[in-house]
N, C-alpha and C. Protein backbone atom coordinates (compact mmCIF):
# COMPACT_ATOMS: atom_id res chain seq x y z
N MET A 1 8.41 -12.88 26.91
CA MET A 1 8.36 -13.93 25.96
C MET A 1 9.68 -14.07 24.80
N LEU A 2 10.38 -15.53 24.68
CA LEU A 2 11.01 -15.59 23.59
C LEU A 2 11.05 -15.73 22.52
N LEU A 3 11.61 -15.50 21.56
CA LEU A 3 11.29 -15.34 19.90
C LEU A 3 12.07 -16.17 19.58
N ARG A 4 11.26 -17.39 18.87
CA ARG A 4 10.95 -19.10 18.51
C ARG A 4 11.53 -18.80 16.95
N GLU A 5 10.87 -18.02 15.97
CA GLU A 5 11.11 -18.15 14.90
C GLU A 5 10.83 -16.37 14.29
N ALA A 6 11.98 -16.44 12.97
CA ALA A 6 11.65 -15.12 12.51
C ALA A 6 11.93 -15.21 11.18
N ALA A 7 11.25 -14.43 9.86
CA ALA A 7 11.69 -14.18 8.90
C ALA A 7 12.75 -13.68 8.27
N VAL A 8 14.16 -14.38 7.96
CA VAL A 8 15.55 -13.77 7.83
C VAL A 8 15.17 -14.38 6.14
N PRO A 9 15.70 -13.76 5.41
CA PRO A 9 16.20 -13.94 4.07
C PRO A 9 17.14 -14.88 4.15
N VAL A 10 17.32 -15.75 3.07
CA VAL A 10 18.40 -17.05 2.72
C VAL A 10 19.52 -16.60 2.74
N PRO A 11 19.93 -15.04 1.54
CA PRO A 11 21.11 -14.54 1.91
C PRO A 11 21.39 -13.98 2.93
N ALA A 12 20.88 -13.87 3.65
CA ALA A 12 21.07 -12.47 4.86
C ALA A 12 21.96 -14.30 6.35
N LEU A 13 21.17 -15.31 5.70
CA LEU A 13 21.76 -16.42 6.66
C LEU A 13 23.28 -16.97 5.95
N THR A 14 23.02 -17.10 4.48
CA THR A 14 24.21 -17.40 4.28
C THR A 14 25.64 -16.85 3.99
N ALA A 15 25.40 -15.65 4.54
CA ALA A 15 26.10 -14.50 4.88
C ALA A 15 26.58 -14.66 6.30
N ALA A 16 25.68 -14.72 6.99
CA ALA A 16 26.08 -15.01 8.41
C ALA A 16 27.04 -16.25 8.57
N VAL A 17 26.44 -16.91 8.06
CA VAL A 17 27.68 -18.54 7.88
C VAL A 17 29.44 -18.41 7.29
N GLU A 18 29.54 -17.60 6.41
CA GLU A 18 30.14 -16.87 5.52
C GLU A 18 31.17 -16.47 7.11
N LEU A 19 30.35 -15.24 7.64
CA LEU A 19 31.02 -14.48 8.39
C LEU A 19 31.20 -15.39 9.82
N LEU A 20 30.39 -16.32 10.65
CA LEU A 20 31.36 -17.17 11.30
C LEU A 20 31.97 -17.94 11.06
N GLY A 21 32.24 -18.33 9.88
CA GLY A 21 33.94 -19.19 9.07
C GLY A 21 34.64 -18.35 9.77
N LEU A 22 35.08 -17.28 9.74
CA LEU A 22 35.99 -16.28 10.15
C LEU A 22 36.30 -16.63 11.40
N LEU A 23 35.31 -16.71 12.35
CA LEU A 23 35.87 -17.41 13.69
C LEU A 23 36.36 -18.63 14.01
N ALA A 24 36.29 -19.49 12.52
CA ALA A 24 36.86 -20.65 12.79
C ALA A 24 38.49 -20.86 12.82
N ASP A 25 39.13 -19.86 12.84
CA ASP A 25 40.79 -19.51 12.89
C ASP A 25 40.91 -18.64 14.51
N SER A 26 39.76 -18.65 15.00
CA SER A 26 39.83 -18.01 16.46
C SER A 26 40.79 -18.75 17.48
N GLN A 27 41.53 -17.98 18.30
CA GLN A 27 42.46 -18.54 19.37
C GLN A 27 41.83 -19.49 20.40
N ASP A 28 40.43 -18.69 21.08
CA ASP A 28 39.77 -19.13 22.09
C ASP A 28 39.22 -19.31 21.33
N ALA A 29 39.02 -21.38 22.03
CA ALA A 29 38.52 -22.49 21.61
C ALA A 29 36.63 -22.88 21.82
N VAL A 30 36.57 -21.87 23.03
CA VAL A 30 35.06 -21.93 23.38
C VAL A 30 34.48 -21.26 21.77
N THR A 31 35.15 -19.79 21.51
CA THR A 31 34.85 -18.92 20.52
C THR A 31 34.50 -19.93 18.92
N ARG A 32 35.51 -20.87 18.86
CA ARG A 32 35.34 -21.91 17.56
C ARG A 32 34.20 -22.41 18.30
N GLU A 33 34.29 -23.34 19.00
CA GLU A 33 32.69 -23.99 18.94
C GLU A 33 31.69 -23.28 18.76
N ALA A 34 31.86 -22.60 20.22
CA ALA A 34 30.11 -21.67 19.38
C ALA A 34 30.42 -21.42 17.93
N ALA A 35 30.50 -20.65 17.26
CA ALA A 35 30.80 -20.40 16.25
C ALA A 35 30.86 -21.52 15.23
N ALA A 36 30.65 -22.57 15.46
CA ALA A 36 30.95 -23.91 14.81
C ALA A 36 29.17 -24.37 14.55
N GLN A 37 29.00 -24.63 16.18
CA GLN A 37 27.28 -24.83 16.26
C GLN A 37 26.53 -23.98 15.95
N VAL A 38 26.90 -22.72 15.68
CA VAL A 38 26.17 -21.51 15.31
C VAL A 38 25.41 -21.87 13.25
N ALA A 39 26.77 -21.73 13.08
CA ALA A 39 26.99 -22.38 11.73
C ALA A 39 26.32 -23.47 11.29
N VAL A 40 26.29 -24.36 11.81
CA VAL A 40 25.56 -26.02 11.61
C VAL A 40 24.38 -25.41 11.99
N ARG A 41 23.56 -24.64 12.64
CA ARG A 41 22.12 -24.46 12.99
C ARG A 41 21.96 -23.42 11.97
N LEU A 42 22.57 -22.55 10.86
CA LEU A 42 21.82 -21.88 10.17
C LEU A 42 21.98 -22.31 8.74
N ARG A 43 22.80 -23.43 8.71
CA ARG A 43 22.67 -24.29 7.63
C ARG A 43 22.20 -25.18 7.26
N THR A 44 21.56 -25.55 8.47
CA THR A 44 20.10 -26.68 8.55
C THR A 44 19.23 -25.63 8.00
N ALA A 45 18.87 -24.20 8.63
CA ALA A 45 18.11 -24.01 8.56
C ALA A 45 17.86 -23.50 7.16
N VAL A 46 19.31 -22.81 6.51
CA VAL A 46 19.41 -22.82 4.77
C VAL A 46 18.73 -24.41 3.86
N GLU A 47 19.15 -25.05 4.50
CA GLU A 47 18.64 -26.13 3.65
C GLU A 47 17.36 -26.52 3.31
N ALA A 48 16.85 -26.10 4.98
CA ALA A 48 15.20 -26.55 5.49
C ALA A 48 14.21 -25.87 4.03
N MET A 49 14.71 -24.61 4.17
CA MET A 49 13.88 -23.53 2.98
C MET A 49 14.76 -23.43 2.05
N ALA A 50 15.61 -24.31 1.43
CA ALA A 50 15.82 -24.78 -0.27
C ALA A 50 14.57 -25.39 -0.90
N VAL A 51 14.59 -24.91 -1.94
CA VAL A 51 13.37 -25.36 -2.88
C VAL A 51 14.21 -26.15 -4.10
N PRO A 52 13.98 -27.38 -4.43
CA PRO A 52 14.54 -28.33 -5.37
C PRO A 52 14.38 -27.40 -6.61
N GLY A 53 14.79 -28.08 -7.26
CA GLY A 53 15.06 -27.50 -8.97
C GLY A 53 15.16 -25.79 -9.47
N TRP A 54 15.55 -25.00 -8.07
CA TRP A 54 15.47 -23.53 -8.10
C TRP A 54 17.21 -23.25 -8.62
């Protein structure tokens, strides 16, 4: 069975995006692309959880 969702604090997701940003300068094109795609998914998740007016 695959895990489809997990409760993760928003600050943990934000930190993960920051860490993935470090891979943006990787010499390996596959690493750069994978990091960029995961960062986009994490940012999307953070934005989906955002509460307007907070």
